[in-house]
Amino acid sequence: MMGIKNRRFGRFRIFFDTIDTEAEYLYQLMGEVIVIRAEALLHNDMVEYIAISKHFDEVGEGTVIPEYKAIMHSEKGFLRFEKC
């Protein structure tokens, strides 16, 4: 069972314009994570998320949460997260 105790944390960002232009893909992507923090970074026109997902590696206590990027396919939608 996935949860906070599994410590599969990741950080990713979504640009504001992506929310407007790629909403269908984002619905899929957000269905793969449990967001535990979201912050609008107005100076960069994006939202930064910290989330839990089966797609993220386990993070040790006191370790910096790694950043991921979502890999999307124009026809298949969300494919996977890739560590940056």
PDB file of N, CA and C in Angstrom:
ATOM      1  N   MET A   1       0.844  -1.191   0.000  1.00  0.00           N
ATOM      2  CA  MET A   1       0.000   0.000   0.000  1.00  0.00           C
ATOM      3  C   MET A   1       0.887   1.251   0.000  1.00  0.00           C
ATOM      4  N   MET A   2       0.540   2.194  -0.839  1.00  0.00           N
ATOM      5  CA  MET A   2       1.309   3.427  -0.971  1.00  0.00           C
ATOM      6  C   MET A   2       0.867   4.435   0.083  1.00  0.00           C
ATOM      7  N   GLY A   3       1.831   5.082   0.696  1.00  0.00           N
ATOM      8  CA  GLY A   3       1.519   6.107   1.683  1.00  0.00           C
ATOM      9  C   GLY A   3       2.773   6.864   2.070  1.00  0.00           C
ATOM     10  N   ILE A   4       2.644   7.733   3.028  1.00  0.00           N
ATOM     11  CA  ILE A   4       3.781   8.549   3.466  1.00  0.00           C
ATOM     12  C   ILE A   4       4.886   7.681   4.064  1.00  0.00           C
ATOM     13  N   LYS A   5       4.541   6.615   4.746  1.00  0.00           N
ATOM     14  CA  LYS A   5       5.549   5.757   5.367  1.00  0.00           C
ATOM     15  C   LYS A   5       6.466   5.095   4.352  1.00  0.00           C
ATOM     16  N   ASN A   6       6.016   4.946   3.107  1.00  0.00           N
ATOM     17  CA  ASN A   6       6.850   4.360   2.056  1.00  0.00           C
ATOM     18  C   ASN A   6       7.941   5.313   1.582  1.00  0.00           C
ATOM     19  N   ARG A   7       7.771   6.609   1.864  1.00  0.00           N
ATOM     20  CA  ARG A   7       8.765   7.648   1.569  1.00  0.00           C
ATOM     21  C   ARG A   7       9.139   7.708   0.074  1.00  0.00           C
ATOM     22  N   ARG A   8       8.171   7.474  -0.798  1.00  0.00           N
ATOM     23  CA  ARG A   8       8.413   7.612  -2.240  1.00  0.00           C
ATOM     24  C   ARG A   8       8.000   9.031  -2.650  1.00  0.00           C
ATOM     25  N   PHE A   9       8.846   9.997  -2.260  1.00  0.00           N
ATOM     26  CA  PHE A   9       8.580  11.405  -2.495  1.00  0.00           C
ATOM     27  C   PHE A   9       9.271  11.876  -3.765  1.00  0.00           C
ATOM     28  N   GLY A  10       8.646  12.823  -4.435  1.00  0.00           N
ATOM     29  CA  GLY A  10       9.245  13.454  -5.597  1.00  0.00           C
ATOM     30  C   GLY A  10       8.745  14.875  -5.726  1.00  0.00           C
ATOM     31  N   ARG A  11       9.519  15.654  -6.451  1.00  0.00           N
ATOM     32  CA  ARG A  11       9.187  17.058  -6.695  1.00  0.00           C
ATOM     33  C   ARG A  11       9.119  17.244  -8.203  1.00  0.00           C
ATOM     34  N   PHE A  12       8.087  17.939  -8.666  1.00  0.00           N
ATOM     35  CA  PHE A  12       7.977  18.246 -10.086  1.00  0.00           C
ATOM     36  C   PHE A  12       7.268  19.576 -10.252  1.00  0.00           C
ATOM     37  N   ARG A  13       7.401  20.163 -11.437  1.00  0.00           N
ATOM     38  CA  ARG A  13       6.837  21.489 -11.713  1.00  0.00           C
ATOM     39  C   ARG A  13       5.989  21.438 -12.972  1.00  0.00           C
ATOM     40  N   ILE A  14       4.954  22.258 -12.971  1.00  0.00           N
ATOM     41  CA  ILE A  14       4.100  22.391 -14.138  1.00  0.00           C
ATOM     42  C   ILE A  14       3.931  23.882 -14.430  1.00  0.00           C
ATOM     43  N   PHE A  15       4.242  24.266 -15.659  1.00  0.00           N
ATOM     44  CA  PHE A  15       4.092  25.667 -16.064  1.00  0.00           C
ATOM     45  C   PHE A  15       2.610  26.023 -16.189  1.00  0.00           C
ATOM     46  N   PHE A  16       2.284  27.256 -15.873  1.00  0.00           N
ATOM     47  CA  PHE A  16       0.895  27.721 -15.956  1.00  0.00           C
ATOM     48  C   PHE A  16       0.310  27.490 -17.347  1.00  0.00           C
ATOM     49  N   ASP A  17       1.075  27.795 -18.405  1.00  0.00           N
ATOM     50  CA  ASP A  17       0.524  27.635 -19.750  1.00  0.00           C
ATOM     51  C   ASP A  17       0.251  26.167 -20.081  1.00  0.00           C
ATOM     52  N   THR A  18       0.984  25.243 -19.478  1.00  0.00           N
ATOM     53  CA  THR A  18       0.725  23.817 -19.683  1.00  0.00           C
ATOM     54  C   THR A  18      -0.634  23.433 -19.104  1.00  0.00           C
ATOM     55  N   ILE A  19      -1.000  24.057 -18.011  1.00  0.00           N
ATOM     56  CA  ILE A  19      -2.307  23.793 -17.401  1.00  0.00           C
ATOM     57  C   ILE A  19      -3.413  24.170 -18.378  1.00  0.00           C
ATOM     58  N   ASP A  20      -3.224  25.261 -19.104  1.00  0.00           N
ATOM     59  CA  ASP A  20      -4.220  25.709 -20.087  1.00  0.00           C
ATOM     60  C   ASP A  20      -4.226  24.864 -21.355  1.00  0.00           C
ATOM     61  N   THR A  21      -3.048  24.435 -21.810  1.00  0.00           N
ATOM     62  CA  THR A  21      -2.961  23.785 -23.121  1.00  0.00           C
ATOM     63  C   THR A  21      -2.964  22.258 -23.084  1.00  0.00           C
ATOM     64  N   GLU A  22      -2.603  21.661 -21.961  1.00  0.00           N
ATOM     65  CA  GLU A  22      -2.454  20.201 -21.885  1.00  0.00           C
ATOM     66  C   GLU A  22      -3.255  19.601 -20.732  1.00  0.00           C
ATOM     67  N   ALA A  23      -4.416  20.137 -20.460  1.00  0.00           N
ATOM     68  CA  ALA A  23      -5.201  19.708 -19.294  1.00  0.00           C
ATOM     69  C   ALA A  23      -5.500  18.212 -19.296  1.00  0.00           C
ATOM     70  N   GLU A  24      -5.823  17.634 -20.439  1.00  0.00           N
ATOM     71  CA  GLU A  24      -6.156  16.204 -20.482  1.00  0.00           C
ATOM     72  C   GLU A  24      -4.978  15.340 -20.027  1.00  0.00           C
ATOM     73  N   TYR A  25      -3.771  15.696 -20.456  1.00  0.00           N
ATOM     74  CA  TYR A  25      -2.584  14.960 -20.024  1.00  0.00           C
ATOM     75  C   TYR A  25      -2.341  15.151 -18.526  1.00  0.00           C
ATOM     76  N   LEU A  26      -2.583  16.358 -18.047  1.00  0.00           N
ATOM     77  CA  LEU A  26      -2.357  16.634 -16.627  1.00  0.00           C
ATOM     78  C   LEU A  26      -3.339  15.873 -15.742  1.00  0.00           C
ATOM     79  N   TYR A  27      -4.559  15.668 -16.205  1.00  0.00           N
ATOM     80  CA  TYR A  27      -5.499  14.837 -15.442  1.00  0.00           C
ATOM     81  C   TYR A  27      -4.921  13.442 -15.243  1.00  0.00           C
ATOM     82  N   GLN A  28      -4.339  12.876 -16.285  1.00  0.00           N
ATOM     83  CA  GLN A  28      -3.707  11.560 -16.188  1.00  0.00           C
ATOM     84  C   GLN A  28      -2.537  11.593 -15.221  1.00  0.00           C
ATOM     85  N   LEU A  29      -1.662  12.569 -15.398  1.00  0.00           N
ATOM     86  CA  LEU A  29      -0.468  12.686 -14.567  1.00  0.00           C
ATOM     87  C   LEU A  29      -0.843  12.825 -13.097  1.00  0.00           C
ATOM     88  N   MET A  30      -1.794  13.690 -12.789  1.00  0.00           N
ATOM     89  CA  MET A  30      -2.169  13.918 -11.391  1.00  0.00           C
ATOM     90  C   MET A  30      -2.867  12.707 -10.779  1.00  0.00           C
ATOM     91  N   GLY A  31      -3.383  11.824 -11.617  1.00  0.00           N
ATOM     92  CA  GLY A  31      -3.963  10.582 -11.133  1.00  0.00           C
ATOM     93  C   GLY A  31      -2.913   9.580 -10.677  1.00  0.00           C
ATOM     94  N   GLU A  32      -1.638   9.854 -10.957  1.00  0.00           N
ATOM     95  CA  GLU A  32      -0.533   8.971 -10.585  1.00  0.00           C
ATOM     96  C   GLU A  32       0.190   9.421  -9.320  1.00  0.00           C
ATOM     97  N   VAL A  33      -0.241  10.528  -8.731  1.00  0.00           N
ATOM     98  CA  VAL A  33       0.442  11.080  -7.551  1.00  0.00           C
ATOM     99  C   VAL A  33      -0.568  11.464  -6.477  1.00  0.00           C
ATOM    100  N   ILE A  34      -0.062  11.567  -5.253  1.00  0.00           N
ATOM    101  CA  ILE A  34      -0.811  12.169  -4.150  1.00  0.00           C
ATOM    102  C   ILE A  34      -0.026  13.419  -3.762  1.00  0.00           C
ATOM    103  N   VAL A  35      -0.578  14.569  -4.051  1.00  0.00           N
ATOM    104  CA  VAL A  35       0.111  15.835  -3.776  1.00  0.00           C
ATOM    105  C   VAL A  35       0.039  16.115  -2.282  1.00  0.00           C
ATOM    106  N   ILE A  36       1.207  16.382  -1.689  1.00  0.00           N
ATOM    107  CA  ILE A  36       1.241  16.740  -0.272  1.00  0.00           C
ATOM    108  C   ILE A  36       1.641  18.202  -0.065  1.00  0.00           C
ATOM    109  N   ARG A  37       2.102  18.851  -1.143  1.00  0.00           N
ATOM    110  CA  ARG A  37       2.410  20.283  -1.083  1.00  0.00           C
ATOM    111  C   ARG A  37       2.399  20.831  -2.500  1.00  0.00           C
ATOM    112  N   ALA A  38       1.805  21.995  -2.665  1.00  0.00           N
ATOM    113  CA  ALA A  38       1.821  22.695  -3.954  1.00  0.00           C
ATOM    114  C   ALA A  38       2.078  24.168  -3.680  1.00  0.00           C
ATOM    115  N   GLU A  39       2.984  24.745  -4.454  1.00  0.00           N
ATOM    116  CA  GLU A  39       3.313  26.162  -4.278  1.00  0.00           C
ATOM    117  C   GLU A  39       3.360  26.839  -5.638  1.00  0.00           C
ATOM    118  N   ALA A  40       2.592  27.902  -5.789  1.00  0.00           N
ATOM    119  CA  ALA A  40       2.624  28.696  -7.013  1.00  0.00           C
ATOM    120  C   ALA A  40       3.877  29.562  -6.985  1.00  0.00           C
ATOM    121  N   LEU A  41       4.724  29.389  -7.983  1.00  0.00           N
ATOM    122  CA  LEU A  41       5.939  30.196  -8.120  1.00  0.00           C
ATOM    123  C   LEU A  41       5.662  31.245  -9.191  1.00  0.00           C
ATOM    124  N   LEU A  42       5.039  32.342  -8.771  1.00  0.00           N
ATOM    125  CA  LEU A  42       4.562  33.360  -9.703  1.00  0.00           C
ATOM    126  C   LEU A  42       5.687  33.974 -10.522  1.00  0.00           C
ATOM    127  N   HIS A  43       6.866  34.106  -9.943  1.00  0.00           N
ATOM    128  CA  HIS A  43       7.990  34.694 -10.663  1.00  0.00           C
ATOM    129  C   HIS A  43       8.501  33.800 -11.800  1.00  0.00           C
ATOM    130  N   ASN A  44       8.144  32.489 -11.759  1.00  0.00           N
ATOM    131  CA  ASN A  44       8.540  31.557 -12.816  1.00  0.00           C
ATOM    132  C   ASN A  44       7.352  31.023 -13.612  1.00  0.00           C
ATOM    133  N   ASP A  45       6.157  31.515 -13.316  1.00  0.00           N
ATOM    134  CA  ASP A  45       4.930  31.078 -14.009  1.00  0.00           C
ATOM    135  C   ASP A  45       4.744  29.560 -13.956  1.00  0.00           C
ATOM    136  N   MET A  46       4.881  29.002 -12.744  1.00  0.00           N
ATOM    137  CA  MET A  46       4.724  27.562 -12.592  1.00  0.00           C
ATOM    138  C   MET A  46       4.237  27.212 -11.193  1.00  0.00           C
ATOM    139  N   VAL A  47       3.804  25.973 -11.047  1.00  0.00           N
ATOM    140  CA  VAL A  47       3.446  25.414  -9.745  1.00  0.00           C
ATOM    141  C   VAL A  47       4.437  24.302  -9.464  1.00  0.00           C
ATOM    142  N   GLU A  48       5.013  24.316  -8.265  1.00  0.00           N
ATOM    143  CA  GLU A  48       5.913  23.240  -7.845  1.00  0.00           C
ATOM    144  C   GLU A  48       5.146  22.327  -6.899  1.00  0.00           C
ATOM    145  N   TYR A  49       5.218  21.028  -7.163  1.00  0.00           N
ATOM    146  CA  TYR A  49       4.518  20.039  -6.361  1.00  0.00           C
ATOM    147  C   TYR A  49       5.510  19.136  -5.652  1.00  0.00           C
ATOM    148  N   ILE A  50       5.179  18.762  -4.435  1.00  0.00           N
ATOM    149  CA  ILE A  50       5.829  17.653  -3.755  1.00  0.00           C
ATOM    150  C   ILE A  50       4.736  16.622  -3.573  1.00  0.00           C
ATOM    151  N   ALA A  51       5.046  15.389  -3.979  1.00  0.00           N
ATOM    152  CA  ALA A  51       4.014  14.367  -4.021  1.00  0.00           C
ATOM    153  C   ALA A  51       4.589  13.002  -3.653  1.00  0.00           C
ATOM    154  N   ILE A  52       3.675  12.057  -3.465  1.00  0.00           N
ATOM    155  CA  ILE A  52       3.995  10.649  -3.244  1.00  0.00           C
ATOM    156  C   ILE A  52       3.541   9.906  -4.496  1.00  0.00           C
ATOM    157  N   SER A  53       4.352   8.945  -4.945  1.00  0.00           N
ATOM    158  CA  SER A  53       3.945   8.149  -6.098  1.00  0.00           C
ATOM    159  C   SER A  53       4.719   6.841  -6.136  1.00  0.00           C
ATOM    160  N   LYS A  54       4.090   5.826  -6.664  1.00  0.00           N
ATOM    161  CA  LYS A  54       4.766   4.550  -6.885  1.00  0.00           C
ATOM    162  C   LYS A  54       5.869   4.700  -7.928  1.00  0.00           C
ATOM    163  N   HIS A  55       5.839   5.783  -8.692  1.00  0.00           N
ATOM    164  CA  HIS A  55       6.828   6.039  -9.738  1.00  0.00           C
ATOM    165  C   HIS A  55       8.110   6.663  -9.198  1.00  0.00           C
ATOM    166  N   PHE A  56       8.097   7.127  -7.955  1.00  0.00           N
ATOM    167  CA  PHE A  56       9.255   7.786  -7.367  1.00  0.00           C
ATOM    168  C   PHE A  56      10.071   6.792  -6.540  1.00  0.00           C
ATOM    169  N   ASP A  57      11.382   7.045  -6.451  1.00  0.00           N
ATOM    170  CA  ASP A  57      12.260   6.238  -5.600  1.00  0.00           C
ATOM    171  C   ASP A  57      12.023   6.586  -4.137  1.00  0.00           C
ATOM    172  N   GLU A  58      12.328   5.640  -3.251  1.00  0.00           N
ATOM    173  CA  GLU A  58      12.254   5.914  -1.816  1.00  0.00           C
ATOM    174  C   GLU A  58      13.315   6.946  -1.460  1.00  0.00           C
ATOM    175  N   VAL A  59      12.966   7.822  -0.527  1.00  0.00           N
ATOM    176  CA  VAL A  59      13.858   8.895  -0.085  1.00  0.00           C
ATOM    177  C   VAL A  59      14.166   8.677   1.390  1.00  0.00           C
ATOM    178  N   GLY A  60      15.439   8.652   1.724  1.00  0.00           N
ATOM    179  CA  GLY A  60      15.840   8.484   3.114  1.00  0.00           C
ATOM    180  C   GLY A  60      15.485   9.694   3.948  1.00  0.00           C
ATOM    181  N   GLU A  61      15.295   9.462   5.227  1.00  0.00           N
ATOM    182  CA  GLU A  61      14.975  10.555   6.138  1.00  0.00           C
ATOM    183  C   GLU A  61      16.107  11.571   6.133  1.00  0.00           C
ATOM    184  N   GLY A  62      15.759  12.852   6.040  1.00  0.00           N
ATOM    185  CA  GLY A  62      16.750  13.924   6.019  1.00  0.00           C
ATOM    186  C   GLY A  62      17.382  14.153   4.654  1.00  0.00           C
ATOM    187  N   THR A  63      16.958  13.397   3.642  1.00  0.00           N
ATOM    188  CA  THR A  63      17.486  13.524   2.278  1.00  0.00           C
ATOM    189  C   THR A  63      16.652  14.524   1.490  1.00  0.00           C
ATOM    190  N   VAL A  64      17.304  15.264   0.610  1.00  0.00           N
ATOM    191  CA  VAL A  64      16.598  16.209  -0.252  1.00  0.00           C
ATOM    192  C   VAL A  64      15.687  15.425  -1.198  1.00  0.00           C
ATOM    193  N   ILE A  65      14.460  15.883  -1.343  1.00  0.00           N
ATOM    194  CA  ILE A  65      13.500  15.226  -2.232  1.00  0.00           C
ATOM    195  C   ILE A  65      13.921  15.477  -3.679  1.00  0.00           C
ATOM    196  N   PRO A  66      14.096  14.408  -4.462  1.00  0.00           N
ATOM    197  CA  PRO A  66      14.568  14.578  -5.841  1.00  0.00           C
ATOM    198  C   PRO A  66      13.504  15.173  -6.758  1.00  0.00           C
ATOM    199  N   GLU A  67      14.001  15.777  -7.841  1.00  0.00           N
ATOM    200  CA  GLU A  67      13.113  16.368  -8.842  1.00  0.00           C
ATOM    201  C   GLU A  67      12.917  15.380  -9.993  1.00  0.00           C
ATOM    202  N   TYR A  68      11.704  15.328 -10.504  1.00  0.00           N
ATOM    203  CA  TYR A  68      11.345  14.450 -11.618  1.00  0.00           C
ATOM    204  C   TYR A  68      10.717  15.277 -12.724  1.00  0.00           C
ATOM    205  N   LYS A  69      10.768  14.723 -13.929  1.00  0.00           N
ATOM    206  CA  LYS A  69       9.991  15.295 -15.029  1.00  0.00           C
ATOM    207  C   LYS A  69       9.078  14.196 -15.550  1.00  0.00           C
ATOM    208  N   ALA A  70       7.895  14.607 -15.968  1.00  0.00           N
ATOM    209  CA  ALA A  70       6.921  13.661 -16.500  1.00  0.00           C
ATOM    210  C   ALA A  70       7.204  13.446 -17.978  1.00  0.00           C
ATOM    211  N   ILE A  71       7.197  12.195 -18.397  1.00  0.00           N
ATOM    212  CA  ILE A  71       7.364  11.852 -19.798  1.00  0.00           C
ATOM    213  C   ILE A  71       5.975  11.552 -20.350  1.00  0.00           C
ATOM    214  N   MET A  72       5.577  12.348 -21.337  1.00  0.00           N
ATOM    215  CA  MET A  72       4.248  12.235 -21.926  1.00  0.00           C
ATOM    216  C   MET A  72       4.387  11.840 -23.396  1.00  0.00           C
ATOM    217  N   HIS A  73       3.384  11.180 -23.906  1.00  0.00           N
ATOM    218  CA  HIS A  73       3.330  10.797 -25.316  1.00  0.00           C
ATOM    219  C   HIS A  73       2.086  11.445 -25.919  1.00  0.00           C
ATOM    220  N   SER A  74       2.210  11.981 -27.119  1.00  0.00           N
ATOM    221  CA  SER A  74       1.093  12.726 -27.720  1.00  0.00           C
ATOM    222  C   SER A  74      -0.168  11.882 -27.905  1.00  0.00           C
ATOM    223  N   GLU A  75      -0.027  10.581 -28.078  1.00  0.00           N
ATOM    224  CA  GLU A  75      -1.202   9.729 -28.244  1.00  0.00           C
ATOM    225  C   GLU A  75      -1.528   8.903 -27.008  1.00  0.00           C
ATOM    226  N   LYS A  76      -0.495   8.451 -26.298  1.00  0.00           N
ATOM    227  CA  LYS A  76      -0.702   7.574 -25.140  1.00  0.00           C
ATOM    228  C   LYS A  76      -0.871   8.328 -23.828  1.00  0.00           C
ATOM    229  N   GLY A  77      -0.505   9.593 -23.798  1.00  0.00           N
ATOM    230  CA  GLY A  77      -0.604  10.380 -22.566  1.00  0.00           C
ATOM    231  C   GLY A  77       0.574  10.120 -21.644  1.00  0.00           C
ATOM    232  N   PHE A  78       0.306  10.065 -20.336  1.00  0.00           N
ATOM    233  CA  PHE A  78       1.364   9.894 -19.341  1.00  0.00           C
ATOM    234  C   PHE A  78       2.029   8.539 -19.506  1.00  0.00           C
ATOM    235  N   LEU A  79       3.366   8.520 -19.509  1.00  0.00           N
ATOM    236  CA  LEU A  79       4.106   7.273 -19.609  1.00  0.00           C
ATOM    237  C   LEU A  79       4.845   6.952 -18.309  1.00  0.00           C
ATOM    238  N   ARG A  80       5.634   7.927 -17.807  1.00  0.00           N
ATOM    239  CA  ARG A  80       6.436   7.663 -16.605  1.00  0.00           C
ATOM    240  C   ARG A  80       7.033   8.969 -16.080  1.00  0.00           C
ATOM    241  N   PHE A  81       7.615   8.889 -14.885  1.00  0.00           N
ATOM    242  CA  PHE A  81       8.416   9.987 -14.356  1.00  0.00           C
ATOM    243  C   PHE A  81       9.873   9.602 -14.513  1.00  0.00           C
ATOM    244  N   GLU A  82      10.704  10.595 -14.817  1.00  0.00           N
ATOM    245  CA  GLU A  82      12.140  10.382 -14.974  1.00  0.00           C
ATOM    246  C   GLU A  82      12.862  11.339 -14.023  1.00  0.00           C
ATOM    247  N   LYS A  83      13.786  10.812 -13.250  1.00  0.00           N
ATOM    248  CA  LYS A  83      14.530  11.644 -12.307  1.00  0.00           C
ATOM    249  C   LYS A  83      15.431  12.601 -13.066  1.00  0.00           C
ATOM    250  N   CYS A  84      15.445  13.865 -12.661  1.00  0.00           N
ATOM    251  CA  CYS A  84      16.283  14.887 -13.320  1.00  0.00           C
ATOM    252  C   CYS A  84      17.724  14.793 -12.825  1.00  0.00           C
TER     253      CYS A  84
END
